[in-house]
mmCIF file of all heavy atoms, coordinates in Angstrom:
data_MODEL
# 
_entry.id   MODEL 
# 
loop_
_atom_site.group_PDB 
_atom_site.id 
_atom_site.type_symbol 
_atom_site.label_atom_id 
_atom_site.label_alt_id 
_atom_site.label_comp_id 
_atom_site.label_asym_id 
_atom_site.label_entity_id 
_atom_site.label_seq_id 
_atom_site.pdbx_PDB_ins_code 
_atom_site.Cartn_x 
_atom_site.Cartn_y 
_atom_site.Cartn_z 
_atom_site.occupancy 
_atom_site.B_iso_or_equiv 
_atom_site.pdbx_formal_charge 
_atom_site.auth_seq_id 
_atom_site.auth_comp_id 
_atom_site.auth_asym_id 
_atom_site.auth_atom_id 
_atom_site.pdbx_PDB_model_num 
ATOM 1   N N   . ILE A 1 1  ? -8.117  -10.941 8.136   1.00 0.00 ? 1  ILE A N   1 
ATOM 2   C CA  . ILE A 1 1  ? -6.808  -10.711 7.545   1.00 0.00 ? 1  ILE A CA  1 
ATOM 3   C C   . ILE A 1 1  ? -7.044  -10.357 6.081   1.00 0.00 ? 1  ILE A C   1 
ATOM 4   O O   . ILE A 1 1  ? -7.690  -11.094 5.349   1.00 0.00 ? 1  ILE A O   1 
ATOM 5   C CB  . ILE A 1 1  ? -5.905  -11.959 7.637   1.00 0.00 ? 1  ILE A CB  1 
ATOM 6   C CG1 . ILE A 1 1  ? -5.832  -12.474 9.081   1.00 0.00 ? 1  ILE A CG1 1 
ATOM 7   C CG2 . ILE A 1 1  ? -4.533  -11.666 7.056   1.00 0.00 ? 1  ILE A CG2 1 
ATOM 8   C CD1 . ILE A 1 1  ? -5.343  -11.469 10.094  1.00 0.00 ? 1  ILE A CD1 1 
ATOM 9   N N   . VAL A 1 2  ? -6.521  -9.215  5.668   1.00 0.00 ? 2  VAL A N   1 
ATOM 10  C CA  . VAL A 1 2  ? -6.673  -8.752  4.290   1.00 0.00 ? 2  VAL A CA  1 
ATOM 11  C C   . VAL A 1 2  ? -5.278  -8.669  3.684   1.00 0.00 ? 2  VAL A C   1 
ATOM 12  O O   . VAL A 1 2  ? -4.414  -7.963  4.202   1.00 0.00 ? 2  VAL A O   1 
ATOM 13  C CB  . VAL A 1 2  ? -7.359  -7.373  4.233   1.00 0.00 ? 2  VAL A CB  1 
ATOM 14  C CG1 . VAL A 1 2  ? -7.443  -6.872  2.805   1.00 0.00 ? 2  VAL A CG1 1 
ATOM 15  C CG2 . VAL A 1 2  ? -8.733  -7.421  4.876   1.00 0.00 ? 2  VAL A CG2 1 
ATOM 16  N N   . ASP A 1 3  ? -5.063  -9.399  2.604   1.00 0.00 ? 3  ASP A N   1 
ATOM 17  C CA  . ASP A 1 3  ? -3.807  -9.343  1.866   1.00 0.00 ? 3  ASP A CA  1 
ATOM 18  C C   . ASP A 1 3  ? -4.049  -8.624  0.556   1.00 0.00 ? 3  ASP A C   1 
ATOM 19  O O   . ASP A 1 3  ? -4.908  -9.026  -0.238  1.00 0.00 ? 3  ASP A O   1 
ATOM 20  C CB  . ASP A 1 3  ? -3.272  -10.746 1.569   1.00 0.00 ? 3  ASP A CB  1 
ATOM 21  C CG  . ASP A 1 3  ? -2.700  -11.427 2.786   1.00 0.00 ? 3  ASP A CG  1 
ATOM 22  O OD1 . ASP A 1 3  ? -2.320  -10.719 3.742   1.00 0.00 ? 3  ASP A OD1 1 
ATOM 23  O OD2 . ASP A 1 3  ? -2.626  -12.669 2.784   1.00 0.00 ? 3  ASP A OD2 1 
ATOM 24  N N   . LEU A 1 4  ? -3.314  -7.555  0.328   1.00 0.00 ? 4  LEU A N   1 
ATOM 25  C CA  . LEU A 1 4  ? -3.422  -6.776  -0.890  1.00 0.00 ? 4  LEU A CA  1 
ATOM 26  C C   . LEU A 1 4  ? -2.114  -6.901  -1.660  1.00 0.00 ? 4  LEU A C   1 
ATOM 27  O O   . LEU A 1 4  ? -1.047  -6.647  -1.112  1.00 0.00 ? 4  LEU A O   1 
ATOM 28  C CB  . LEU A 1 4  ? -3.696  -5.305  -0.561  1.00 0.00 ? 4  LEU A CB  1 
ATOM 29  C CG  . LEU A 1 4  ? -4.930  -5.028  0.295   1.00 0.00 ? 4  LEU A CG  1 
ATOM 30  C CD1 . LEU A 1 4  ? -4.950  -3.576  0.754   1.00 0.00 ? 4  LEU A CD1 1 
ATOM 31  C CD2 . LEU A 1 4  ? -6.189  -5.372  -0.469  1.00 0.00 ? 4  LEU A CD2 1 
ATOM 32  N N   . MET A 1 5  ? -2.213  -7.322  -2.910  1.00 0.00 ? 5  MET A N   1 
ATOM 33  C CA  . MET A 1 5  ? -1.036  -7.455  -3.761  1.00 0.00 ? 5  MET A CA  1 
ATOM 34  C C   . MET A 1 5  ? -1.082  -6.367  -4.828  1.00 0.00 ? 5  MET A C   1 
ATOM 35  O O   . MET A 1 5  ? -2.148  -6.030  -5.318  1.00 0.00 ? 5  MET A O   1 
ATOM 36  C CB  . MET A 1 5  ? -1.010  -8.817  -4.452  1.00 0.00 ? 5  MET A CB  1 
ATOM 37  C CG  . MET A 1 5  ? -0.871  -10.003 -3.525  1.00 0.00 ? 5  MET A CG  1 
ATOM 38  S SD  . MET A 1 5  ? 0.743   -10.147 -2.766  1.00 0.00 ? 5  MET A SD  1 
ATOM 39  C CE  . MET A 1 5  ? 1.794   -10.405 -4.163  1.00 0.00 ? 5  MET A CE  1 
ATOM 40  N N   . ALA A 1 6  ? 0.082   -5.846  -5.158  1.00 0.00 ? 6  ALA A N   1 
ATOM 41  C CA  . ALA A 1 6  ? 0.182   -4.838  -6.209  1.00 0.00 ? 6  ALA A CA  1 
ATOM 42  C C   . ALA A 1 6  ? 1.527   -4.975  -6.897  1.00 0.00 ? 6  ALA A C   1 
ATOM 43  O O   . ALA A 1 6  ? 2.487   -5.462  -6.296  1.00 0.00 ? 6  ALA A O   1 
ATOM 44  C CB  . ALA A 1 6  ? 0.045   -3.441  -5.601  1.00 0.00 ? 6  ALA A CB  1 
ATOM 45  N N   . PRO A 1 7  ? 1.602   -4.539  -8.157  1.00 0.00 ? 7  PRO A N   1 
ATOM 46  C CA  . PRO A 1 7  ? 2.908   -4.507  -8.803  1.00 0.00 ? 7  PRO A CA  1 
ATOM 47  C C   . PRO A 1 7  ? 3.851   -3.622  -7.984  1.00 0.00 ? 7  PRO A C   1 
ATOM 48  O O   . PRO A 1 7  ? 3.416   -2.613  -7.409  1.00 0.00 ? 7  PRO A O   1 
ATOM 49  C CB  . PRO A 1 7  ? 2.623   -3.871  -10.166 1.00 0.00 ? 7  PRO A CB  1 
ATOM 50  C CG  . PRO A 1 7  ? 1.160   -4.054  -10.391 1.00 0.00 ? 7  PRO A CG  1 
ATOM 51  C CD  . PRO A 1 7  ? 0.532   -4.060  -9.028  1.00 0.00 ? 7  PRO A CD  1 
ATOM 52  N N   . LEU A 1 8  ? 5.094   -3.998  -7.915  1.00 0.00 ? 8  LEU A N   1 
ATOM 53  C CA  . LEU A 1 8  ? 6.057   -3.290  -7.081  1.00 0.00 ? 8  LEU A CA  1 
ATOM 54  C C   . LEU A 1 8  ? 6.109   -1.801  -7.406  1.00 0.00 ? 8  LEU A C   1 
ATOM 55  O O   . LEU A 1 8  ? 6.208   -0.966  -6.518  1.00 0.00 ? 8  LEU A O   1 
ATOM 56  C CB  . LEU A 1 8  ? 7.442   -3.918  -7.232  1.00 0.00 ? 8  LEU A CB  1 
ATOM 57  C CG  . LEU A 1 8  ? 8.509   -3.447  -6.261  1.00 0.00 ? 8  LEU A CG  1 
ATOM 58  C CD1 . LEU A 1 8  ? 8.089   -3.679  -4.818  1.00 0.00 ? 8  LEU A CD1 1 
ATOM 59  C CD2 . LEU A 1 8  ? 9.821   -4.148  -6.552  1.00 0.00 ? 8  LEU A CD2 1 
ATOM 60  N N   . GLY A 1 9  ? 5.979   -1.443  -8.672  1.00 0.00 ? 9  GLY A N   1 
ATOM 61  C CA  . GLY A 1 9  ? 6.092   -0.051  -9.074  1.00 0.00 ? 9  GLY A CA  1 
ATOM 62  C C   . GLY A 1 9  ? 4.839   0.786   -8.881  1.00 0.00 ? 9  GLY A C   1 
ATOM 63  O O   . GLY A 1 9  ? 4.857   1.986   -9.141  1.00 0.00 ? 9  GLY A O   1 
ATOM 64  N N   . LEU A 1 10 ? 3.739   0.200   -8.423  1.00 0.00 ? 10 LEU A N   1 
ATOM 65  C CA  . LEU A 1 10 ? 2.497   0.962   -8.279  1.00 0.00 ? 10 LEU A CA  1 
ATOM 66  C C   . LEU A 1 10 ? 2.661   2.115   -7.303  1.00 0.00 ? 10 LEU A C   1 
ATOM 67  O O   . LEU A 1 10 ? 2.128   3.198   -7.508  1.00 0.00 ? 10 LEU A O   1 
ATOM 68  C CB  . LEU A 1 10 ? 1.348   0.047   -7.835  1.00 0.00 ? 10 LEU A CB  1 
ATOM 69  C CG  . LEU A 1 10 ? -0.015  0.708   -7.693  1.00 0.00 ? 10 LEU A CG  1 
ATOM 70  C CD1 . LEU A 1 10 ? -0.494  1.262   -9.038  1.00 0.00 ? 10 LEU A CD1 1 
ATOM 71  C CD2 . LEU A 1 10 ? -1.040  -0.273  -7.147  1.00 0.00 ? 10 LEU A CD2 1 
ATOM 72  N N   . PHE A 1 11 ? 3.401   1.891   -6.254  1.00 0.00 ? 11 PHE A N   1 
ATOM 73  C CA  . PHE A 1 11 ? 3.698   2.938   -5.280  1.00 0.00 ? 11 PHE A CA  1 
ATOM 74  C C   . PHE A 1 11 ? 5.195   3.192   -5.353  1.00 0.00 ? 11 PHE A C   1 
ATOM 75  O O   . PHE A 1 11 ? 5.970   2.270   -5.529  1.00 0.00 ? 11 PHE A O   1 
ATOM 76  C CB  . PHE A 1 11 ? 3.279   2.511   -3.875  1.00 0.00 ? 11 PHE A CB  1 
ATOM 77  C CG  . PHE A 1 11 ? 1.813   2.224   -3.784  1.00 0.00 ? 11 PHE A CG  1 
ATOM 78  C CD1 . PHE A 1 11 ? 1.338   0.932   -3.869  1.00 0.00 ? 11 PHE A CD1 1 
ATOM 79  C CD2 . PHE A 1 11 ? 0.900   3.252   -3.654  1.00 0.00 ? 11 PHE A CD2 1 
ATOM 80  C CE1 . PHE A 1 11 ? -0.015  0.663   -3.816  1.00 0.00 ? 11 PHE A CE1 1 
ATOM 81  C CE2 . PHE A 1 11 ? -0.454  3.000   -3.595  1.00 0.00 ? 11 PHE A CE2 1 
ATOM 82  C CZ  . PHE A 1 11 ? -0.918  1.703   -3.675  1.00 0.00 ? 11 PHE A CZ  1 
ATOM 83  N N   . GLY A 1 12 ? 5.596   4.423   -5.191  1.00 0.00 ? 12 GLY A N   1 
ATOM 84  C CA  . GLY A 1 12 ? 7.003   4.775   -5.361  1.00 0.00 ? 12 GLY A CA  1 
ATOM 85  C C   . GLY A 1 12 ? 7.955   4.028   -4.442  1.00 0.00 ? 12 GLY A C   1 
ATOM 86  O O   . GLY A 1 12 ? 9.060   3.695   -4.823  1.00 0.00 ? 12 GLY A O   1 
ATOM 87  N N   . ASN A 1 13 ? 7.504   3.730   -3.218  1.00 0.00 ? 13 ASN A N   1 
ATOM 88  C CA  . ASN A 1 13 ? 8.363   3.035   -2.263  1.00 0.00 ? 13 ASN A CA  1 
ATOM 89  C C   . ASN A 1 13 ? 7.498   2.445   -1.162  1.00 0.00 ? 13 ASN A C   1 
ATOM 90  O O   . ASN A 1 13 ? 6.271   2.605   -1.181  1.00 0.00 ? 13 ASN A O   1 
ATOM 91  C CB  . ASN A 1 13 ? 9.422   3.985   -1.687  1.00 0.00 ? 13 ASN A CB  1 
ATOM 92  C CG  . ASN A 1 13 ? 8.795   5.188   -1.006  1.00 0.00 ? 13 ASN A CG  1 
ATOM 93  O OD1 . ASN A 1 13 ? 7.888   5.066   -0.185  1.00 0.00 ? 13 ASN A OD1 1 
ATOM 94  N ND2 . ASN A 1 13 ? 9.270   6.380   -1.358  1.00 0.00 ? 13 ASN A ND2 1 
ATOM 95  N N   . HIS A 1 14 ? 8.128   1.779   -0.199  1.00 0.00 ? 14 HIS A N   1 
ATOM 96  C CA  . HIS A 1 14 ? 7.358   1.093   0.838   1.00 0.00 ? 14 HIS A CA  1 
ATOM 97  C C   . HIS A 1 14 ? 6.592   2.078   1.719   1.00 0.00 ? 14 HIS A C   1 
ATOM 98  O O   . HIS A 1 14 ? 5.495   1.773   2.180   1.00 0.00 ? 14 HIS A O   1 
ATOM 99  C CB  . HIS A 1 14 ? 8.252   0.175   1.672   1.00 0.00 ? 14 HIS A CB  1 
ATOM 100 C CG  . HIS A 1 14 ? 9.161   0.880   2.621   1.00 0.00 ? 14 HIS A CG  1 
ATOM 101 N ND1 . HIS A 1 14 ? 10.292  1.544   2.215   1.00 0.00 ? 14 HIS A ND1 1 
ATOM 102 C CD2 . HIS A 1 14 ? 9.088   1.032   3.960   1.00 0.00 ? 14 HIS A CD2 1 
ATOM 103 C CE1 . HIS A 1 14 ? 10.873  2.086   3.262   1.00 0.00 ? 14 HIS A CE1 1 
ATOM 104 N NE2 . HIS A 1 14 ? 10.174  1.791   4.338   1.00 0.00 ? 14 HIS A NE2 1 
ATOM 105 N N   . LEU A 1 15 ? 7.134   3.268   1.942   1.00 0.00 ? 15 LEU A N   1 
ATOM 106 C CA  . LEU A 1 15 ? 6.411   4.253   2.764   1.00 0.00 ? 15 LEU A CA  1 
ATOM 107 C C   . LEU A 1 15 ? 5.149   4.744   2.055   1.00 0.00 ? 15 LEU A C   1 
ATOM 108 O O   . LEU A 1 15 ? 4.111   4.923   2.690   1.00 0.00 ? 15 LEU A O   1 
ATOM 109 C CB  . LEU A 1 15 ? 7.322   5.421   3.123   1.00 0.00 ? 15 LEU A CB  1 
ATOM 110 C CG  . LEU A 1 15 ? 8.451   5.089   4.097   1.00 0.00 ? 15 LEU A CG  1 
ATOM 111 C CD1 . LEU A 1 15 ? 9.336   6.310   4.311   1.00 0.00 ? 15 LEU A CD1 1 
ATOM 112 C CD2 . LEU A 1 15 ? 7.915   4.563   5.416   1.00 0.00 ? 15 LEU A CD2 1 
ATOM 113 N N   . ALA A 1 16 ? 5.233   4.947   0.746   1.00 0.00 ? 16 ALA A N   1 
ATOM 114 C CA  . ALA A 1 16 ? 4.051   5.364   -0.013  1.00 0.00 ? 16 ALA A CA  1 
ATOM 115 C C   . ALA A 1 16 ? 2.978   4.276   0.036   1.00 0.00 ? 16 ALA A C   1 
ATOM 116 O O   . ALA A 1 16 ? 1.779   4.578   0.151   1.00 0.00 ? 16 ALA A O   1 
ATOM 117 C CB  . ALA A 1 16 ? 4.429   5.688   -1.455  1.00 0.00 ? 16 ALA A CB  1 
ATOM 118 N N   . ALA A 1 17 ? 3.381   3.014   -0.036  1.00 0.00 ? 17 ALA A N   1 
ATOM 119 C CA  . ALA A 1 17 ? 2.419   1.913   0.046   1.00 0.00 ? 17 ALA A CA  1 
ATOM 120 C C   . ALA A 1 17 ? 1.800   1.848   1.440   1.00 0.00 ? 17 ALA A C   1 
ATOM 121 O O   . ALA A 1 17 ? 0.587   1.657   1.578   1.00 0.00 ? 17 ALA A O   1 
ATOM 122 C CB  . ALA A 1 17 ? 3.093   0.586   -0.305  1.00 0.00 ? 17 ALA A CB  1 
ATOM 123 N N   . PHE A 1 18 ? 2.623   1.990   2.479   1.00 0.00 ? 18 PHE A N   1 
ATOM 124 C CA  . PHE A 1 18 ? 2.093   2.030   3.844   1.00 0.00 ? 18 PHE A CA  1 
ATOM 125 C C   . PHE A 1 18 ? 1.104   3.181   4.007   1.00 0.00 ? 18 PHE A C   1 
ATOM 126 O O   . PHE A 1 18 ? 0.020   3.015   4.573   1.00 0.00 ? 18 PHE A O   1 
ATOM 127 C CB  . PHE A 1 18 ? 3.220   2.217   4.869   1.00 0.00 ? 18 PHE A CB  1 
ATOM 128 C CG  . PHE A 1 18 ? 3.757   0.942   5.458   1.00 0.00 ? 18 PHE A CG  1 
ATOM 129 C CD1 . PHE A 1 18 ? 5.127   0.744   5.540   1.00 0.00 ? 18 PHE A CD1 1 
ATOM 130 C CD2 . PHE A 1 18 ? 2.931   -0.045  5.965   1.00 0.00 ? 18 PHE A CD2 1 
ATOM 131 C CE1 . PHE A 1 18 ? 5.657   -0.405  6.099   1.00 0.00 ? 18 PHE A CE1 1 
ATOM 132 C CE2 . PHE A 1 18 ? 3.440   -1.199  6.530   1.00 0.00 ? 18 PHE A CE2 1 
ATOM 133 C CZ  . PHE A 1 18 ? 4.806   -1.380  6.595   1.00 0.00 ? 18 PHE A CZ  1 
ATOM 134 N N   . ASP A 1 19 ? 1.483   4.370   3.523   1.00 0.00 ? 19 ASP A N   1 
ATOM 135 C CA  . ASP A 1 19 ? 0.600   5.539   3.635   1.00 0.00 ? 19 ASP A CA  1 
ATOM 136 C C   . ASP A 1 19 ? -0.740  5.284   2.955   1.00 0.00 ? 19 ASP A C   1 
ATOM 137 O O   . ASP A 1 19 ? -1.798  5.543   3.534   1.00 0.00 ? 19 ASP A O   1 
ATOM 138 C CB  . ASP A 1 19 ? 1.255   6.784   3.011   1.00 0.00 ? 19 ASP A CB  1 
ATOM 139 C CG  . ASP A 1 19 ? 2.412   7.326   3.821   1.00 0.00 ? 19 ASP A CG  1 
ATOM 140 O OD1 . ASP A 1 19 ? 2.535   7.007   5.022   1.00 0.00 ? 19 ASP A OD1 1 
ATOM 141 O OD2 . ASP A 1 19 ? 3.218   8.091   3.229   1.00 0.00 ? 19 ASP A OD2 1 
ATOM 142 N N   . ALA A 1 20 ? -0.697  4.778   1.734   1.00 0.00 ? 20 ALA A N   1 
ATOM 143 C CA  . ALA A 1 20 ? -1.931  4.523   0.980   1.00 0.00 ? 20 ALA A CA  1 
ATOM 144 C C   . ALA A 1 20 ? -2.792  3.475   1.683   1.00 0.00 ? 20 ALA A C   1 
ATOM 145 O O   . ALA A 1 20 ? -4.004  3.643   1.818   1.00 0.00 ? 20 ALA A O   1 
ATOM 146 C CB  . ALA A 1 20 ? -1.594  4.079   -0.443  1.00 0.00 ? 20 ALA A CB  1 
ATOM 147 N N   . GLY A 1 21 ? -2.165  2.395   2.126   1.00 0.00 ? 21 GLY A N   1 
ATOM 148 C CA  . GLY A 1 21 ? -2.915  1.340   2.796   1.00 0.00 ? 21 GLY A CA  1 
ATOM 149 C C   . GLY A 1 21 ? -3.532  1.808   4.103   1.00 0.00 ? 21 GLY A C   1 
ATOM 150 O O   . GLY A 1 21 ? -4.703  1.558   4.377   1.00 0.00 ? 21 GLY A O   1 
ATOM 151 N N   . ALA A 1 22 ? -2.752  2.499   4.915   1.00 0.00 ? 22 ALA A N   1 
ATOM 152 C CA  . ALA A 1 22 ? -3.251  2.966   6.213   1.00 0.00 ? 22 ALA A CA  1 
ATOM 153 C C   . ALA A 1 22 ? -4.406  3.953   6.033   1.00 0.00 ? 22 ALA A C   1 
ATOM 154 O O   . ALA A 1 22 ? -5.420  3.868   6.727   1.00 0.00 ? 22 ALA A O   1 
ATOM 155 C CB  . ALA A 1 22 ? -2.119  3.605   7.015   1.00 0.00 ? 22 ALA A CB  1 
ATOM 156 N N   . ARG A 1 23 ? -4.258  4.887   5.103   1.00 0.00 ? 23 ARG A N   1 
ATOM 157 C CA  . ARG A 1 23 ? -5.342  5.856   4.850   1.00 0.00 ? 23 ARG A CA  1 
ATOM 158 C C   . ARG A 1 23 ? -6.603  5.151   4.366   1.00 0.00 ? 23 ARG A C   1 
ATOM 159 O O   . ARG A 1 23 ? -7.709  5.508   4.753   1.00 0.00 ? 23 ARG A O   1 
ATOM 160 C CB  . ARG A 1 23 ? -4.900  6.900   3.831   1.00 0.00 ? 23 ARG A CB  1 
ATOM 161 C CG  . ARG A 1 23 ? -3.948  7.939   4.381   1.00 0.00 ? 23 ARG A CG  1 
ATOM 162 C CD  . ARG A 1 23 ? -3.775  9.118   3.426   1.00 0.00 ? 23 ARG A CD  1 
ATOM 163 N NE  . ARG A 1 23 ? -3.614  8.739   2.021   1.00 0.00 ? 23 ARG A NE  1 
ATOM 164 C CZ  . ARG A 1 23 ? -2.440  8.528   1.425   1.00 0.00 ? 23 ARG A CZ  1 
ATOM 165 N NH1 . ARG A 1 23 ? -1.313  8.655   2.097   1.00 0.00 ? 23 ARG A NH1 1 
ATOM 166 N NH2 . ARG A 1 23 ? -2.400  8.192   0.150   1.00 0.00 ? 23 ARG A NH2 1 
ATOM 167 N N   . CYS A 1 24 ? -6.419  4.144   3.539   1.00 0.00 ? 24 CYS A N   1 
ATOM 168 C CA  . CYS A 1 24 ? -7.557  3.398   3.018   1.00 0.00 ? 24 CYS A CA  1 
ATOM 169 C C   . CYS A 1 24 ? -8.313  2.688   4.149   1.00 0.00 ? 24 CYS A C   1 
ATOM 170 O O   . CYS A 1 24 ? -9.538  2.806   4.259   1.00 0.00 ? 24 CYS A O   1 
ATOM 171 C CB  . CYS A 1 24 ? -7.060  2.405   1.981   1.00 0.00 ? 24 CYS A CB  1 
ATOM 172 S SG  . CYS A 1 24 ? -8.359  1.461   1.184   1.00 0.00 ? 24 CYS A SG  1 
ATOM 173 N N   . PHE A 1 25 ? -7.592  1.976   5.011   1.00 0.00 ? 25 PHE A N   1 
ATOM 174 C CA  . PHE A 1 25 ? -8.242  1.289   6.127   1.00 0.00 ? 25 PHE A CA  1 
ATOM 175 C C   . PHE A 1 25 ? -8.874  2.293   7.092   1.00 0.00 ? 25 PHE A C   1 
ATOM 176 O O   . PHE A 1 25 ? -9.976  2.080   7.586   1.00 0.00 ? 25 PHE A O   1 
ATOM 177 C CB  . PHE A 1 25 ? -7.263  0.366   6.859   1.00 0.00 ? 25 PHE A CB  1 
ATOM 178 C CG  . PHE A 1 25 ? -6.997  -0.907  6.120   1.00 0.00 ? 25 PHE A CG  1 
ATOM 179 C CD1 . PHE A 1 25 ? -5.822  -1.084  5.407   1.00 0.00 ? 25 PHE A CD1 1 
ATOM 180 C CD2 . PHE A 1 25 ? -7.933  -1.925  6.103   1.00 0.00 ? 25 PHE A CD2 1 
ATOM 181 C CE1 . PHE A 1 25 ? -5.584  -2.251  4.697   1.00 0.00 ? 25 PHE A CE1 1 
ATOM 182 C CE2 . PHE A 1 25 ? -7.714  -3.097  5.404   1.00 0.00 ? 25 PHE A CE2 1 
ATOM 183 C CZ  . PHE A 1 25 ? -6.536  -3.255  4.696   1.00 0.00 ? 25 PHE A CZ  1 
ATOM 184 N N   . ARG A 1 26 ? -8.183  3.397   7.344   1.00 0.00 ? 26 ARG A N   1 
ATOM 185 C CA  . ARG A 1 26 ? -8.747  4.449   8.201   1.00 0.00 ? 26 ARG A CA  1 
ATOM 186 C C   . ARG A 1 26 ? -10.075 4.950   7.631   1.00 0.00 ? 26 ARG A C   1 
ATOM 187 O O   . ARG A 1 26 ? -11.069 5.056   8.346   1.00 0.00 ? 26 ARG A O   1 
ATOM 188 C CB  . ARG A 1 26 ? -7.758  5.616   8.310   1.00 0.00 ? 26 ARG A CB  1 
ATOM 189 C CG  . ARG A 1 26 ? -8.304  6.798   9.120   1.00 0.00 ? 26 ARG A CG  1 
ATOM 190 C CD  . ARG A 1 26 ? -7.651  8.106   8.772   1.00 0.00 ? 26 ARG A CD  1 
ATOM 191 N NE  . ARG A 1 26 ? -7.864  8.461   7.371   1.00 0.00 ? 26 ARG A NE  1 
ATOM 192 C CZ  . ARG A 1 26 ? -7.077  9.290   6.689   1.00 0.00 ? 26 ARG A CZ  1 
ATOM 193 N NH1 . ARG A 1 26 ? -6.017  9.825   7.261   1.00 0.00 ? 26 ARG A NH1 1 
ATOM 194 N NH2 . ARG A 1 26 ? -7.334  9.560   5.427   1.00 0.00 ? 26 ARG A NH2 1 
# 
């Protein structure tokens, strides 16, 4: 289980955060 925390404004919205996280794990 990997928990990644970031300031809310680091990614423009929840979809951008999902996209970045998924691409990173991929």
